[in-house]
Every structure is written in structure tokens, then in C-alpha cells.
C-alpha atoms as a PDB file:
ATOM      1  CA  UNK A   1      33.626 118.220  85.507  1.00  0.00           C
ATOM      2  CA  UNK A   2      34.644 114.737  84.357  1.00  0.00           C
ATOM      3  CA  UNK A   3      37.252 114.514  87.123  1.00  0.00           C
ATOM      4  CA  UNK A   4      34.601 115.385  89.705  1.00  0.00           C
ATOM      5  CA  UNK A   5      32.301 112.626  88.420  1.00  0.00           C
ATOM      6  CA  UNK A   6      35.163 110.111  88.434  1.00  0.00           C
ATOM      7  CA  UNK A   7      35.897 111.056  92.054  1.00  0.00           C
ATOM      8  CA  UNK A   8      32.288 110.560  93.118  1.00  0.00           C
ATOM      9  CA  UNK A   9      31.876 107.251  91.285  1.00  0.00           C
ATOM     10  CA  UNK A  10      35.159 105.909  92.654  1.00  0.00           C
ATOM     11  CA  UNK A  11      33.675 105.590  96.180  1.00  0.00           C
ATOM     12  CA  UNK A  12      37.077 106.047  97.823  1.00  0.00           C
ATOM     13  CA  UNK A  13      35.612 109.115  99.498  1.00  0.00           C
ATOM     14  CA  UNK A  14      33.475 106.742 101.594  1.00  0.00           C
ATOM     15  CA  UNK A  15      36.577 105.538 103.447  1.00  0.00           C
ATOM     16  CA  UNK A  16      36.489 108.807 105.399  1.00  0.00           C
ATOM     17  CA  UNK A  17      32.978 108.103 106.747  1.00  0.00           C
ATOM     18  CA  UNK A  18      32.989 106.598 110.223  1.00  0.00           C
ATOM     19  CA  UNK A  19      31.131 103.349 110.923  1.00  0.00           C
ATOM     20  CA  UNK A  20      28.659 104.807 113.427  1.00  0.00           C
ATOM     21  CA  UNK A  21      27.173 107.499 111.146  1.00  0.00           C
ATOM     22  CA  UNK A  22      27.086 105.062 108.219  1.00  0.00           C
ATOM     23  CA  UNK A  23      25.223 102.513 110.327  1.00  0.00           C
ATOM     24  CA  UNK A  24      22.809 105.217 111.479  1.00  0.00           C
ATOM     25  CA  UNK A  25      22.116 106.273 107.906  1.00  0.00           C
ATOM     26  CA  UNK A  26      21.351 102.719 106.790  1.00  0.00           C
ATOM     27  CA  UNK A  27      19.176 101.980 109.823  1.00  0.00           C
ATOM     28  CA  UNK A  28      17.338 105.251 109.220  1.00  0.00           C
ATOM     29  CA  UNK A  29      16.707 104.229 105.620  1.00  0.00           C
ATOM     30  CA  UNK A  30      15.185 100.945 106.776  1.00  0.00           C
ATOM     31  CA  UNK A  31      12.919 102.830 109.174  1.00  0.00           C
ATOM     32  CA  UNK A  32      11.900 105.171 106.353  1.00  0.00           C
ATOM     33  CA  UNK A  33      11.082 102.219 104.105  1.00  0.00           C
ATOM     34  CA  UNK A  34       9.015 100.696 106.932  1.00  0.00           C
ATOM     35  CA  UNK A  35       7.031 103.923 107.289  1.00  0.00           C
ATOM     36  CA  UNK A  36       6.432 104.021 103.541  1.00  0.00           C
ATOM     37  CA  UNK A  37       5.170 100.433 103.675  1.00  0.00           C
ATOM     38  CA  UNK A  38       2.634 101.452 106.317  1.00  0.00           C
ATOM     39  CA  UNK A  39       1.295 104.171 104.003  1.00  0.00           C
ATOM     40  CA  UNK A  40       0.194 101.627 101.372  1.00  0.00           C
ATOM     41  CA  UNK A  41      -3.625 101.287 101.503  1.00  0.00           C
ATOM     42  CA  UNK A  42      -4.988  97.899 102.604  1.00  0.00           C
ATOM     43  CA  UNK A  43      -7.369  97.770  99.647  1.00  0.00           C
ATOM     44  CA  UNK A  44      -4.360  97.865  97.341  1.00  0.00           C
ATOM     45  CA  UNK A  45      -2.621  95.110  99.327  1.00  0.00           C
ATOM     46  CA  UNK A  46      -5.623  92.769  99.149  1.00  0.00           C
ATOM     47  CA  UNK A  47      -6.556  93.560  95.547  1.00  0.00           C
ATOM     48  CA  UNK A  48      -7.536  90.385  93.708  1.00  0.00           C
ATOM     49  CA  UNK A  49      -7.665  88.226  96.860  1.00  0.00           C
ATOM     50  CA  UNK A  50     -10.923  86.304  97.194  1.00  0.00           C
ATOM     51  CA  UNK A  51     -10.760  85.672 100.941  1.00  0.00           C
ATOM     52  CA  UNK A  52      -8.685  87.973 103.117  1.00  0.00           C
ATOM     53  CA  UNK A  53      -6.371  86.129 105.467  1.00  0.00           C
ATOM     54  CA  UNK A  54      -3.684  87.587 107.685  1.00  0.00           C
ATOM     55  CA  UNK A  55      -0.892  85.922 105.692  1.00  0.00           C
ATOM     56  CA  UNK A  56      -2.042  87.673 102.513  1.00  0.00           C
ATOM     57  CA  UNK A  57      -1.107  91.032 104.003  1.00  0.00           C
ATOM     58  CA  UNK A  58       2.127  91.965 102.245  1.00  0.00           C
ATOM     59  CA  UNK A  59       2.753  94.707 104.792  1.00  0.00           C
ATOM     60  CA  UNK A  60       3.407  92.082 107.456  1.00  0.00           C
ATOM     61  CA  UNK A  61       5.874  90.218 105.253  1.00  0.00           C
ATOM     62  CA  UNK A  62       7.636  93.460 104.300  1.00  0.00           C
ATOM     63  CA  UNK A  63       7.903  94.462 107.964  1.00  0.00           C
ATOM     64  CA  UNK A  64       9.235  91.015 108.884  1.00  0.00           C
ATOM     65  CA  UNK A  65      11.841  91.239 106.146  1.00  0.00           C
ATOM     66  CA  UNK A  66      12.825  94.764 107.176  1.00  0.00           C
ATOM     67  CA  UNK A  67      13.078  93.684 110.815  1.00  0.00           C
ATOM     68  CA  UNK A  68      15.468  90.849 109.942  1.00  0.00           C
ATOM     69  CA  UNK A  69      17.640  93.104 107.755  1.00  0.00           C
ATOM     70  CA  UNK A  70      17.543  95.878 110.390  1.00  0.00           C
ATOM     71  CA  UNK A  71      18.693  93.424 113.078  1.00  0.00           C
ATOM     72  CA  UNK A  72      21.552  92.127 110.948  1.00  0.00           C
ATOM     73  CA  UNK A  73      22.741  95.658 110.139  1.00  0.00           C
ATOM     74  CA  UNK A  74      22.380  96.692 113.790  1.00  0.00           C
ATOM     75  CA  UNK A  75      24.465  93.777 115.058  1.00  0.00           C
ATOM     76  CA  UNK A  76      27.167  93.819 112.411  1.00  0.00           C
END
């Protein structure tokens, strides 16, 4: 059992994974995170804000951040 755990935590097994499926997995995770961000209720986002402005919406900033990271991972 200990040998199996050492093998998994060594991460040498990842050298056998091709670049294309690995890139697809990471891009899929970013899409999943983006969908989860959309599921956050707006009342929770604006909680404690006196006047609602568009730049207070954390969903927009999260989506912008995810878009930049997604683009970098897609290109490289």
C-alpha cells in the first residue's frame, strides 16, 4: 500500500499523459469553475454594498480572470 501511495505522489506517472488531453482537462476545469461562478446568487455577491455598481459584481471579475488564464493555457 505504501509503495502505491509513493508511486502516485511521485507524479512521474504524469509523463505518460499527452499534452492535448492534459490541456483539455485543464481548460475543462476552467469552464467548470466559470459555470460554478455563475451559480452564485447576486444577492450574495452584493451583500453589504450600499450602492450597486457594475464593478462591484465579483462574478465579472472572476470571469475576466478565468478568461485571461484560459487564454494563456490555450495558447501555451
